[in-house]
Amino acid sequence: MVLISKYIVPRGYVGITIFPFIFLKYYYLKTNAFLVNHERIHLRQQIELLVIPFYLFYSIEFLIRLIKFKNWRCAYENISFEKEAYLNEKDLDYIKSRPFFSFIKYL
């Protein structure tokens, strides 16, 4: 379910997925198929890892990348979950053919 909330989405971002919801900053973003697909990829990742382990793994990987790159944005863009979502957001059929645990190849 896609919801609109400029208060839940962090500054500098336009969307966030918190299972089972996709939050977008502005209503017009609901028409951005690539953004919604990106967030749906995150939903699938969260389901695969049974939600809580997803957040733990995401946070740990982010902290490791932040130490490595010493740059918030660079660390975020190099998280395996984000790499998979960004590289496949334009393939609107990706979810249908996505292999199980496919984020691992982006580590």
C-alpha atoms as a PDB file:
ATOM      1  CA  MET A   1       0.000   0.000   0.000  1.00  0.00           C
ATOM      2  CA  VAL A   2       1.368   3.395  -0.989  1.00  0.00           C
ATOM      3  CA  LEU A   3       0.848   6.232   1.492  1.00  0.00           C
ATOM      4  CA  ILE A   4       1.827   9.896   1.362  1.00  0.00           C
ATOM      5  CA  SER A   5       3.688  11.475   4.283  1.00  0.00           C
ATOM      6  CA  LYS A   6       6.295  14.179   4.049  1.00  0.00           C
ATOM      7  CA  TYR A   7       6.987  13.663   7.763  1.00  0.00           C
ATOM      8  CA  ILE A   8       7.925   9.965   7.644  1.00  0.00           C
ATOM      9  CA  VAL A   9      10.206  10.226   4.599  1.00  0.00           C
ATOM     10  CA  PRO A  10      13.627  11.521   5.724  1.00  0.00           C
ATOM     11  CA  ARG A  11      15.018  14.786   4.391  1.00  0.00           C
ATOM     12  CA  GLY A  12      16.877  14.267   1.122  1.00  0.00           C
ATOM     13  CA  TYR A  13      14.753  11.250   0.087  1.00  0.00           C
ATOM     14  CA  VAL A  14      11.424  10.954  -1.732  1.00  0.00           C
ATOM     15  CA  GLY A  15      10.340   7.513  -0.574  1.00  0.00           C
ATOM     16  CA  ILE A  16      10.839   4.904   2.119  1.00  0.00           C
ATOM     17  CA  THR A  17       9.521   1.394   2.562  1.00  0.00           C
ATOM     18  CA  ILE A  18       8.538   0.240   6.023  1.00  0.00           C
ATOM     19  CA  PHE A  19       6.845  -3.118   5.703  1.00  0.00           C
ATOM     20  CA  PRO A  20       4.052  -3.361   4.623  1.00  0.00           C
ATOM     21  CA  PHE A  21       3.843   0.261   3.473  1.00  0.00           C
ATOM     22  CA  ILE A  22       5.538   2.438   0.886  1.00  0.00           C
ATOM     23  CA  PHE A  23       5.673   6.056   2.021  1.00  0.00           C
ATOM     24  CA  LEU A  24       6.204   8.777  -0.568  1.00  0.00           C
ATOM     25  CA  LYS A  25       6.915  12.395   0.244  1.00  0.00           C
ATOM     26  CA  TYR A  26       4.422  13.898  -2.219  1.00  0.00           C
ATOM     27  CA  TYR A  27       1.206  12.678  -3.841  1.00  0.00           C
ATOM     28  CA  TYR A  28       2.422  13.248  -7.427  1.00  0.00           C
ATOM     29  CA  LEU A  29       5.194  10.674  -6.853  1.00  0.00           C
ATOM     30  CA  LYS A  30       2.566   7.907  -6.941  1.00  0.00           C
ATOM     31  CA  THR A  31       2.632   8.262 -10.734  1.00  0.00           C
ATOM     32  CA  ASN A  32       6.406   7.672 -10.881  1.00  0.00           C
ATOM     33  CA  ALA A  33       6.407   3.994 -11.875  1.00  0.00           C
ATOM     34  CA  PHE A  34      10.186   3.639 -11.450  1.00  0.00           C
ATOM     35  CA  LEU A  35      10.150   5.029  -7.903  1.00  0.00           C
ATOM     36  CA  VAL A  36       7.225   2.830  -6.881  1.00  0.00           C
ATOM     37  CA  ASN A  37       8.953  -0.183  -8.468  1.00  0.00           C
ATOM     38  CA  HIS A  38      12.154   0.655  -6.557  1.00  0.00           C
ATOM     39  CA  GLU A  39      10.203   0.643  -3.300  1.00  0.00           C
ATOM     40  CA  ARG A  40       8.395  -2.582  -4.228  1.00  0.00           C
ATOM     41  CA  ILE A  41      11.779  -4.240  -4.688  1.00  0.00           C
ATOM     42  CA  HIS A  42      12.533  -3.226  -1.096  1.00  0.00           C
ATOM     43  CA  LEU A  43       9.231  -4.767   0.016  1.00  0.00           C
ATOM     44  CA  ARG A  44      10.244  -8.055  -1.586  1.00  0.00           C
ATOM     45  CA  GLN A  45      13.649  -7.889   0.099  1.00  0.00           C
ATOM     46  CA  GLN A  46      11.990  -7.284   3.463  1.00  0.00           C
ATOM     47  CA  ILE A  47       9.636 -10.234   2.984  1.00  0.00           C
ATOM     48  CA  GLU A  48      12.536 -12.513   2.009  1.00  0.00           C
ATOM     49  CA  LEU A  49      14.455 -11.695   5.149  1.00  0.00           C
ATOM     50  CA  LEU A  50      11.366 -11.770   7.387  1.00  0.00           C
ATOM     51  CA  VAL A  51      11.380  -7.975   7.942  1.00  0.00           C
ATOM     52  CA  ILE A  52      13.382  -7.535  11.179  1.00  0.00           C
ATOM     53  CA  PRO A  53      16.559  -9.245   9.878  1.00  0.00           C
ATOM     54  CA  PHE A  54      16.283  -7.007   6.791  1.00  0.00           C
ATOM     55  CA  TYR A  55      16.503  -3.869   8.924  1.00  0.00           C
ATOM     56  CA  LEU A  56      19.382  -5.293  10.963  1.00  0.00           C
ATOM     57  CA  PHE A  57      21.350  -6.321   7.886  1.00  0.00           C
ATOM     58  CA  TYR A  58      20.570  -3.000   6.141  1.00  0.00           C
ATOM     59  CA  SER A  59      21.752  -1.003   9.166  1.00  0.00           C
ATOM     60  CA  ILE A  60      24.929  -3.018   9.675  1.00  0.00           C
ATOM     61  CA  GLU A  61      25.817  -2.828   5.997  1.00  0.00           C
ATOM     62  CA  PHE A  62      25.163   0.927   5.994  1.00  0.00           C
ATOM     63  CA  LEU A  63      27.470   1.432   8.999  1.00  0.00           C
ATOM     64  CA  ILE A  64      30.222  -0.630   7.377  1.00  0.00           C
ATOM     65  CA  ARG A  65      29.890   1.381   4.146  1.00  0.00           C
ATOM     66  CA  LEU A  66      29.858   4.655   6.088  1.00  0.00           C
ATOM     67  CA  ILE A  67      33.116   3.737   7.818  1.00  0.00           C
ATOM     68  CA  LYS A  68      34.601   2.687   4.483  1.00  0.00           C
ATOM     69  CA  PHE A  69      33.490   5.681   2.371  1.00  0.00           C
ATOM     70  CA  LYS A  70      33.176   8.353   5.092  1.00  0.00           C
ATOM     71  CA  ASN A  71      30.269   9.790   3.112  1.00  0.00           C
ATOM     72  CA  TRP A  72      26.579   9.315   3.949  1.00  0.00           C
ATOM     73  CA  ARG A  73      25.267   9.337   0.368  1.00  0.00           C
ATOM     74  CA  CYS A  74      28.026   7.091  -0.956  1.00  0.00           C
ATOM     75  CA  ALA A  75      27.449   4.625   1.886  1.00  0.00           C
ATOM     76  CA  TYR A  76      23.704   4.585   1.173  1.00  0.00           C
ATOM     77  CA  GLU A  77      24.175   4.044  -2.571  1.00  0.00           C
ATOM     78  CA  ASN A  78      26.522   1.112  -1.953  1.00  0.00           C
ATOM     79  CA  ILE A  79      24.199  -0.908   0.277  1.00  0.00           C
ATOM     80  CA  SER A  80      23.460  -4.162  -1.577  1.00  0.00           C
ATOM     81  CA  PHE A  81      19.684  -3.684  -1.184  1.00  0.00           C
ATOM     82  CA  GLU A  82      19.895  -0.214  -2.722  1.00  0.00           C
ATOM     83  CA  LYS A  83      22.150  -1.364  -5.549  1.00  0.00           C
ATOM     84  CA  GLU A  84      19.656  -4.048  -6.523  1.00  0.00           C
ATOM     85  CA  ALA A  85      16.720  -1.626  -6.335  1.00  0.00           C
ATOM     86  CA  TYR A  86      18.433   1.149  -8.316  1.00  0.00           C
ATOM     87  CA  LEU A  87      19.782  -1.173 -11.005  1.00  0.00           C
ATOM     88  CA  ASN A  88      16.380  -2.807 -11.556  1.00  0.00           C
ATOM     89  CA  GLU A  89      13.858  -0.040 -10.871  1.00  0.00           C
ATOM     90  CA  LYS A  90      13.327   0.630 -14.587  1.00  0.00           C
ATOM     91  CA  ASP A  91      12.440  -3.005 -15.263  1.00  0.00           C
ATOM     92  CA  LEU A  92       8.782  -2.949 -14.265  1.00  0.00           C
ATOM     93  CA  ASP A  93       8.589  -6.749 -14.572  1.00  0.00           C
ATOM     94  CA  TYR A  94      11.643  -7.367 -12.384  1.00  0.00           C
ATOM     95  CA  ILE A  95       9.626  -8.418  -9.335  1.00  0.00           C
ATOM     96  CA  LYS A  96       7.973 -11.202 -11.348  1.00  0.00           C
ATOM     97  CA  SER A  97      11.289 -12.751 -12.383  1.00  0.00           C
ATOM     98  CA  ARG A  98      13.451 -11.761  -9.419  1.00  0.00           C
ATOM     99  CA  PRO A  99      15.446 -14.684  -8.016  1.00  0.00           C
ATOM    100  CA  PHE A 100      15.234 -15.411  -4.303  1.00  0.00           C
ATOM    101  CA  PHE A 101      17.942 -13.563  -2.282  1.00  0.00           C
ATOM    102  CA  SER A 102      19.159 -11.801  -5.427  1.00  0.00           C
ATOM    103  CA  PHE A 103      20.480  -8.843  -3.392  1.00  0.00           C
ATOM    104  CA  ILE A 104      23.433 -11.069  -2.397  1.00  0.00           C
ATOM    105  CA  LYS A 105      25.061 -10.671  -5.793  1.00  0.00           C
ATOM    106  CA  TYR A 106      25.314  -6.916  -5.127  1.00  0.00           C
ATOM    107  CA  LEU A 107      27.373  -7.297  -1.931  1.00  0.00           C
END
